Amino acid sequence: METQLRFTRDDLLTPDDVAAILRVRRSTALDYMRRGVIPACKIGKLWYSPRPLLDEYLASLFSDSTGG
């Protein structure tokens, strides 16, 4: 059974939001989003990263680096 993610419009993070979370420049965050380094999608002309997917991705980085 596949779990469906549920999120609201408030959960869609802009490149500025992602940059603030990652503490990188906006251009770096946008590059990560465009290249698929972090989960993101383009809606119209703008890029967004769903917060639940970004949180999941960041959690996986920490669990991988701690060996667990």
PDB file of N, CA and C in Angstrom:
ATOM      1  N   MET A   1       0.843  -1.184   0.000  1.00  0.00           N
ATOM      2  CA  MET A   1       0.000   0.000   0.000  1.00  0.00           C
ATOM      3  C   MET A   1       0.886   1.245   0.000  1.00  0.00           C
ATOM      4  N   GLU A   2       0.637   2.126  -0.913  1.00  0.00           N
ATOM      5  CA  GLU A   2       1.456   3.319  -1.063  1.00  0.00           C
ATOM      6  C   GLU A   2       0.928   4.444  -0.185  1.00  0.00           C
ATOM      7  N   THR A   3       1.831   5.095   0.549  1.00  0.00           N
ATOM      8  CA  THR A   3       1.448   6.215   1.396  1.00  0.00           C
ATOM      9  C   THR A   3       1.446   7.485   0.565  1.00  0.00           C
ATOM     10  N   GLN A   4       0.369   8.235   0.652  1.00  0.00           N
ATOM     11  CA  GLN A   4       0.277   9.479  -0.093  1.00  0.00           C
ATOM     12  C   GLN A   4       0.655  10.639   0.813  1.00  0.00           C
ATOM     13  N   LEU A   5       1.592  11.454   0.340  1.00  0.00           N
ATOM     14  CA  LEU A   5       1.993  12.633   1.100  1.00  0.00           C
ATOM     15  C   LEU A   5       0.889  13.674   1.033  1.00  0.00           C
ATOM     16  N   ARG A   6       0.682  14.329   2.151  1.00  0.00           N
ATOM     17  CA  ARG A   6      -0.294  15.421   2.192  1.00  0.00           C
ATOM     18  C   ARG A   6       0.430  16.667   2.702  1.00  0.00           C
ATOM     19  N   PHE A   7       0.277  17.736   1.978  1.00  0.00           N
ATOM     20  CA  PHE A   7       0.846  18.990   2.424  1.00  0.00           C
ATOM     21  C   PHE A   7       0.005  20.135   1.899  1.00  0.00           C
ATOM     22  N   THR A   8       0.177  21.283   2.527  1.00  0.00           N
ATOM     23  CA  THR A   8      -0.590  22.466   2.137  1.00  0.00           C
ATOM     24  C   THR A   8       0.306  23.416   1.356  1.00  0.00           C
ATOM     25  N   ARG A   9      -0.289  24.461   0.880  1.00  0.00           N
ATOM     26  CA  ARG A   9       0.466  25.478   0.148  1.00  0.00           C
ATOM     27  C   ARG A   9       1.597  26.059   1.013  1.00  0.00           C
ATOM     28  N   ASP A  10       1.369  26.135   2.320  1.00  0.00           N
ATOM     29  CA  ASP A  10       2.389  26.656   3.232  1.00  0.00           C
ATOM     30  C   ASP A  10       3.613  25.748   3.306  1.00  0.00           C
ATOM     31  N   ASP A  11       3.462  24.484   2.908  1.00  0.00           N
ATOM     32  CA  ASP A  11       4.568  23.536   2.927  1.00  0.00           C
ATOM     33  C   ASP A  11       5.446  23.636   1.682  1.00  0.00           C
ATOM     34  N   LEU A  12       5.051  24.445   0.713  1.00  0.00           N
ATOM     35  CA  LEU A  12       5.858  24.615  -0.496  1.00  0.00           C
ATOM     36  C   LEU A  12       6.894  25.700  -0.242  1.00  0.00           C
ATOM     37  N   LEU A  13       8.139  25.296  -0.218  1.00  0.00           N
ATOM     38  CA  LEU A  13       9.232  26.217   0.083  1.00  0.00           C
ATOM     39  C   LEU A  13       9.814  26.796  -1.194  1.00  0.00           C
ATOM     40  N   THR A  14      10.052  28.083  -1.192  1.00  0.00           N
ATOM     41  CA  THR A  14      10.679  28.771  -2.313  1.00  0.00           C
ATOM     42  C   THR A  14      12.197  28.610  -2.206  1.00  0.00           C
ATOM     43  N   PRO A  15      12.924  28.963  -3.251  1.00  0.00           N
ATOM     44  CA  PRO A  15      14.389  28.937  -3.153  1.00  0.00           C
ATOM     45  C   PRO A  15      14.913  29.799  -1.996  1.00  0.00           C
ATOM     46  N   ASP A  16      14.237  30.909  -1.718  1.00  0.00           N
ATOM     47  CA  ASP A  16      14.649  31.754  -0.579  1.00  0.00           C
ATOM     48  C   ASP A  16      14.480  30.999   0.739  1.00  0.00           C
ATOM     49  N   ASP A  17      13.366  30.285   0.876  1.00  0.00           N
ATOM     50  CA  ASP A  17      13.116  29.503   2.090  1.00  0.00           C
ATOM     51  C   ASP A  17      14.165  28.402   2.251  1.00  0.00           C
ATOM     52  N   VAL A  18      14.424  27.694   1.155  1.00  0.00           N
ATOM     53  CA  VAL A  18      15.402  26.604   1.181  1.00  0.00           C
ATOM     54  C   VAL A  18      16.787  27.146   1.522  1.00  0.00           C
ATOM     55  N   ALA A  19      17.130  28.281   0.938  1.00  0.00           N
ATOM     56  CA  ALA A  19      18.433  28.892   1.211  1.00  0.00           C
ATOM     57  C   ALA A  19      18.574  29.228   2.696  1.00  0.00           C
ATOM     58  N   ALA A  20      17.515  29.736   3.292  1.00  0.00           N
ATOM     59  CA  ALA A  20      17.558  30.072   4.718  1.00  0.00           C
ATOM     60  C   ALA A  20      17.711  28.814   5.576  1.00  0.00           C
ATOM     61  N   ILE A  21      17.011  27.748   5.203  1.00  0.00           N
ATOM     62  CA  ILE A  21      17.092  26.492   5.968  1.00  0.00           C
ATOM     63  C   ILE A  21      18.490  25.882   5.862  1.00  0.00           C
ATOM     64  N   LEU A  22      19.032  25.871   4.640  1.00  0.00           N
ATOM     65  CA  LEU A  22      20.342  25.249   4.416  1.00  0.00           C
ATOM     66  C   LEU A  22      21.511  26.182   4.715  1.00  0.00           C
ATOM     67  N   ARG A  23      21.185  27.453   4.909  1.00  0.00           N
ATOM     68  CA  ARG A  23      22.209  28.483   5.138  1.00  0.00           C
ATOM     69  C   ARG A  23      23.203  28.567   3.981  1.00  0.00           C
ATOM     70  N   VAL A  24      22.615  28.658   2.792  1.00  0.00           N
ATOM     71  CA  VAL A  24      23.390  28.845   1.571  1.00  0.00           C
ATOM     72  C   VAL A  24      22.779  30.022   0.816  1.00  0.00           C
ATOM     73  N   ARG A  25      23.444  30.438  -0.248  1.00  0.00           N
ATOM     74  CA  ARG A  25      22.903  31.520  -1.073  1.00  0.00           C
ATOM     75  C   ARG A  25      21.675  31.027  -1.837  1.00  0.00           C
ATOM     76  N   ARG A  26      20.825  31.949  -2.208  1.00  0.00           N
ATOM     77  CA  ARG A  26      19.622  31.614  -2.974  1.00  0.00           C
ATOM     78  C   ARG A  26      19.999  30.906  -4.267  1.00  0.00           C
ATOM     79  N   SER A  27      21.048  31.385  -4.938  1.00  0.00           N
ATOM     80  CA  SER A  27      21.466  30.777  -6.204  1.00  0.00           C
ATOM     81  C   SER A  27      21.895  29.324  -6.009  1.00  0.00           C
ATOM     82  N   THR A  28      22.517  29.021  -4.883  1.00  0.00           N
ATOM     83  CA  THR A  28      22.922  27.644  -4.594  1.00  0.00           C
ATOM     84  C   THR A  28      21.700  26.769  -4.346  1.00  0.00           C
ATOM     85  N   ALA A  29      20.753  27.276  -3.567  1.00  0.00           N
ATOM     86  CA  ALA A  29      19.518  26.531  -3.293  1.00  0.00           C
ATOM     87  C   ALA A  29      18.772  26.254  -4.596  1.00  0.00           C
ATOM     88  N   LEU A  30      18.674  27.249  -5.455  1.00  0.00           N
ATOM     89  CA  LEU A  30      17.982  27.087  -6.730  1.00  0.00           C
ATOM     90  C   LEU A  30      18.711  26.068  -7.607  1.00  0.00           C
ATOM     91  N   ASP A  31      20.017  26.092  -7.602  1.00  0.00           N
ATOM     92  CA  ASP A  31      20.809  25.116  -8.355  1.00  0.00           C
ATOM     93  C   ASP A  31      20.543  23.703  -7.847  1.00  0.00           C
ATOM     94  N   TYR A  32      20.531  23.523  -6.533  1.00  0.00           N
ATOM     95  CA  TYR A  32      20.231  22.207  -5.944  1.00  0.00           C
ATOM     96  C   TYR A  32      18.838  21.735  -6.353  1.00  0.00           C
ATOM     97  N   MET A  33      17.890  22.642  -6.372  1.00  0.00           N
ATOM     98  CA  MET A  33      16.513  22.308  -6.735  1.00  0.00           C
ATOM     99  C   MET A  33      16.434  21.906  -8.206  1.00  0.00           C
ATOM    100  N   ARG A  34      17.081  22.674  -9.067  1.00  0.00           N
ATOM    101  CA  ARG A  34      17.047  22.401 -10.514  1.00  0.00           C
ATOM    102  C   ARG A  34      17.728  21.081 -10.856  1.00  0.00           C
ATOM    103  N   ARG A  35      18.847  20.785 -10.186  1.00  0.00           N
ATOM    104  CA  ARG A  35      19.608  19.573 -10.489  1.00  0.00           C
ATOM    105  C   ARG A  35      19.084  18.331  -9.781  1.00  0.00           C
ATOM    106  N   GLY A  36      18.098  18.494  -8.904  1.00  0.00           N
ATOM    107  CA  GLY A  36      17.540  17.349  -8.215  1.00  0.00           C
ATOM    108  C   GLY A  36      18.351  16.894  -7.014  1.00  0.00           C
ATOM    109  N   VAL A  37      19.269  17.737  -6.556  1.00  0.00           N
ATOM    110  CA  VAL A  37      20.041  17.413  -5.360  1.00  0.00           C
ATOM    111  C   VAL A  37      19.103  17.336  -4.158  1.00  0.00           C
ATOM    112  N   ILE A  38      18.159  18.268  -4.109  1.00  0.00           N
ATOM    113  CA  ILE A  38      17.121  18.212  -3.083  1.00  0.00           C
ATOM    114  C   ILE A  38      15.783  18.052  -3.796  1.00  0.00           C
ATOM    115  N   PRO A  39      14.791  17.432  -3.149  1.00  0.00           N
ATOM    116  CA  PRO A  39      13.493  17.232  -3.801  1.00  0.00           C
ATOM    117  C   PRO A  39      12.816  18.573  -4.103  1.00  0.00           C
ATOM    118  N   ALA A  40      12.443  18.746  -5.363  1.00  0.00           N
ATOM    119  CA  ALA A  40      11.793  19.995  -5.771  1.00  0.00           C
ATOM    120  C   ALA A  40      11.081  19.777  -7.091  1.00  0.00           C
ATOM    121  N   CYS A  41      10.186  20.693  -7.406  1.00  0.00           N
ATOM    122  CA  CYS A  41       9.503  20.641  -8.695  1.00  0.00           C
ATOM    123  C   CYS A  41       9.241  22.062  -9.163  1.00  0.00           C
ATOM    124  N   LYS A  42       9.089  22.181 -10.462  1.00  0.00           N
ATOM    125  CA  LYS A  42       8.803  23.478 -11.064  1.00  0.00           C
ATOM    126  C   LYS A  42       7.309  23.558 -11.309  1.00  0.00           C
ATOM    127  N   ILE A  43       6.699  24.604 -10.801  1.00  0.00           N
ATOM    128  CA  ILE A  43       5.279  24.855 -11.023  1.00  0.00           C
ATOM    129  C   ILE A  43       5.194  26.186 -11.749  1.00  0.00           C
ATOM    130  N   GLY A  44       4.786  26.124 -13.000  1.00  0.00           N
ATOM    131  CA  GLY A  44       4.827  27.331 -13.827  1.00  0.00           C
ATOM    132  C   GLY A  44       6.278  27.703 -14.066  1.00  0.00           C
ATOM    133  N   LYS A  45       6.643  28.909 -13.696  1.00  0.00           N
ATOM    134  CA  LYS A  45       8.028  29.359 -13.856  1.00  0.00           C
ATOM    135  C   LYS A  45       8.822  29.284 -12.557  1.00  0.00           C
ATOM    136  N   LEU A  46       8.164  28.881 -11.476  1.00  0.00           N
ATOM    137  CA  LEU A  46       8.805  28.926 -10.161  1.00  0.00           C
ATOM    138  C   LEU A  46       9.126  27.533  -9.623  1.00  0.00           C
ATOM    139  N   TRP A  47      10.203  27.449  -8.869  1.00  0.00           N
ATOM    140  CA  TRP A  47      10.631  26.202  -8.243  1.00  0.00           C
ATOM    141  C   TRP A  47      10.186  26.169  -6.783  1.00  0.00           C
ATOM    142  N   TYR A  48       9.746  24.975  -6.355  1.00  0.00           N
ATOM    143  CA  TYR A  48       9.321  24.769  -4.973  1.00  0.00           C
ATOM    144  C   TYR A  48       9.857  23.441  -4.470  1.00  0.00           C
ATOM    145  N   SER A  49      10.098  23.398  -3.180  1.00  0.00           N
ATOM    146  CA  SER A  49      10.468  22.153  -2.517  1.00  0.00           C
ATOM    147  C   SER A  49       9.435  21.887  -1.433  1.00  0.00           C
ATOM    148  N   PRO A  50       8.734  20.750  -1.502  1.00  0.00           N
ATOM    149  CA  PRO A  50       7.763  20.428  -0.455  1.00  0.00           C
ATOM    150  C   PRO A  50       8.495  20.172   0.868  1.00  0.00           C
ATOM    151  N   ARG A  51       8.127  20.903   1.901  1.00  0.00           N
ATOM    152  CA  ARG A  51       8.811  20.801   3.188  1.00  0.00           C
ATOM    153  C   ARG A  51       8.908  19.358   3.708  1.00  0.00           C
ATOM    154  N   PRO A  52       7.836  18.543   3.634  1.00  0.00           N
ATOM    155  CA  PRO A  52       7.963  17.168   4.135  1.00  0.00           C
ATOM    156  C   PRO A  52       9.054  16.375   3.410  1.00  0.00           C
ATOM    157  N   LEU A  53       9.185  16.589   2.100  1.00  0.00           N
ATOM    158  CA  LEU A  53      10.223  15.876   1.344  1.00  0.00           C
ATOM    159  C   LEU A  53      11.613  16.410   1.655  1.00  0.00           C
ATOM    160  N   LEU A  54      11.730  17.717   1.832  1.00  0.00           N
ATOM    161  CA  LEU A  54      13.022  18.291   2.203  1.00  0.00           C
ATOM    162  C   LEU A  54      13.434  17.804   3.590  1.00  0.00           C
ATOM    163  N   ASP A  55      12.497  17.788   4.531  1.00  0.00           N
ATOM    164  CA  ASP A  55      12.794  17.287   5.883  1.00  0.00           C
ATOM    165  C   ASP A  55      13.234  15.830   5.841  1.00  0.00           C
ATOM    166  N   GLU A  56      12.542  15.030   5.036  1.00  0.00           N
ATOM    167  CA  GLU A  56      12.884  13.612   4.894  1.00  0.00           C
ATOM    168  C   GLU A  56      14.282  13.447   4.310  1.00  0.00           C
ATOM    169  N   TYR A  57      14.592  14.243   3.289  1.00  0.00           N
ATOM    170  CA  TYR A  57      15.902  14.202   2.654  1.00  0.00           C
ATOM    171  C   TYR A  57      17.005  14.582   3.645  1.00  0.00           C
ATOM    172  N   LEU A  58      16.795  15.657   4.386  1.00  0.00           N
ATOM    173  CA  LEU A  58      17.804  16.086   5.359  1.00  0.00           C
ATOM    174  C   LEU A  58      17.981  15.049   6.459  1.00  0.00           C
ATOM    175  N   ALA A  59      16.908  14.439   6.915  1.00  0.00           N
ATOM    176  CA  ALA A  59      16.994  13.393   7.936  1.00  0.00           C
ATOM    177  C   ALA A  59      17.800  12.204   7.419  1.00  0.00           C
ATOM    178  N   SER A  60      17.619  11.871   6.136  1.00  0.00           N
ATOM    179  CA  SER A  60      18.368  10.748   5.556  1.00  0.00           C
ATOM    180  C   SER A  60      19.858  11.053   5.494  1.00  0.00           C
ATOM    181  N   LEU A  61      20.213  12.298   5.279  1.00  0.00           N
ATOM    182  CA  LEU A  61      21.629  12.673   5.264  1.00  0.00           C
ATOM    183  C   LEU A  61      22.273  12.416   6.623  1.00  0.00           C
ATOM    184  N   PHE A  62      21.550  12.794   7.670  1.00  0.00           N
ATOM    185  CA  PHE A  62      22.093  12.621   9.022  1.00  0.00           C
ATOM    186  C   PHE A  62      22.143  11.152   9.419  1.00  0.00           C
ATOM    187  N   SER A  63      21.137  10.372   9.027  1.00  0.00           N
ATOM    188  CA  SER A  63      21.155   8.965   9.385  1.00  0.00           C
ATOM    189  C   SER A  63      22.235   8.221   8.607  1.00  0.00           C
ATOM    190  N   ASP A  64      22.496   8.628   7.369  1.00  0.00           N
ATOM    191  CA  ASP A  64      23.574   8.020   6.583  1.00  0.00           C
ATOM    192  C   ASP A  64      24.945   8.349   7.163  1.00  0.00           C
ATOM    193  N   SER A  65      25.099   9.582   7.644  1.00  0.00           N
ATOM    194  CA  SER A  65      26.410  10.006   8.139  1.00  0.00           C
ATOM    195  C   SER A  65      26.725   9.424   9.514  1.00  0.00           C
ATOM    196  N   THR A  66      25.697   8.985  10.244  1.00  0.00           N
ATOM    197  CA  THR A  66      25.943   8.408  11.560  1.00  0.00           C
ATOM    198  C   THR A  66      25.998   6.894  11.521  1.00  0.00           C
ATOM    199  N   GLY A  67      25.818   6.343  10.312  1.00  0.00           N
ATOM    200  CA  GLY A  67      25.917   4.901  10.161  1.00  0.00           C
ATOM    201  C   GLY A  67      24.702   4.153  10.628  1.00  0.00           C
ATOM    202  N   GLY A  68      23.574   4.820  10.826  1.00  0.00           N
ATOM    203  CA  GLY A  68      22.391   4.139  11.333  1.00  0.00           C
ATOM    204  C   GLY A  68      21.247   4.439  10.567  1.00  0.00           C
TER     205      GLY A  68
END
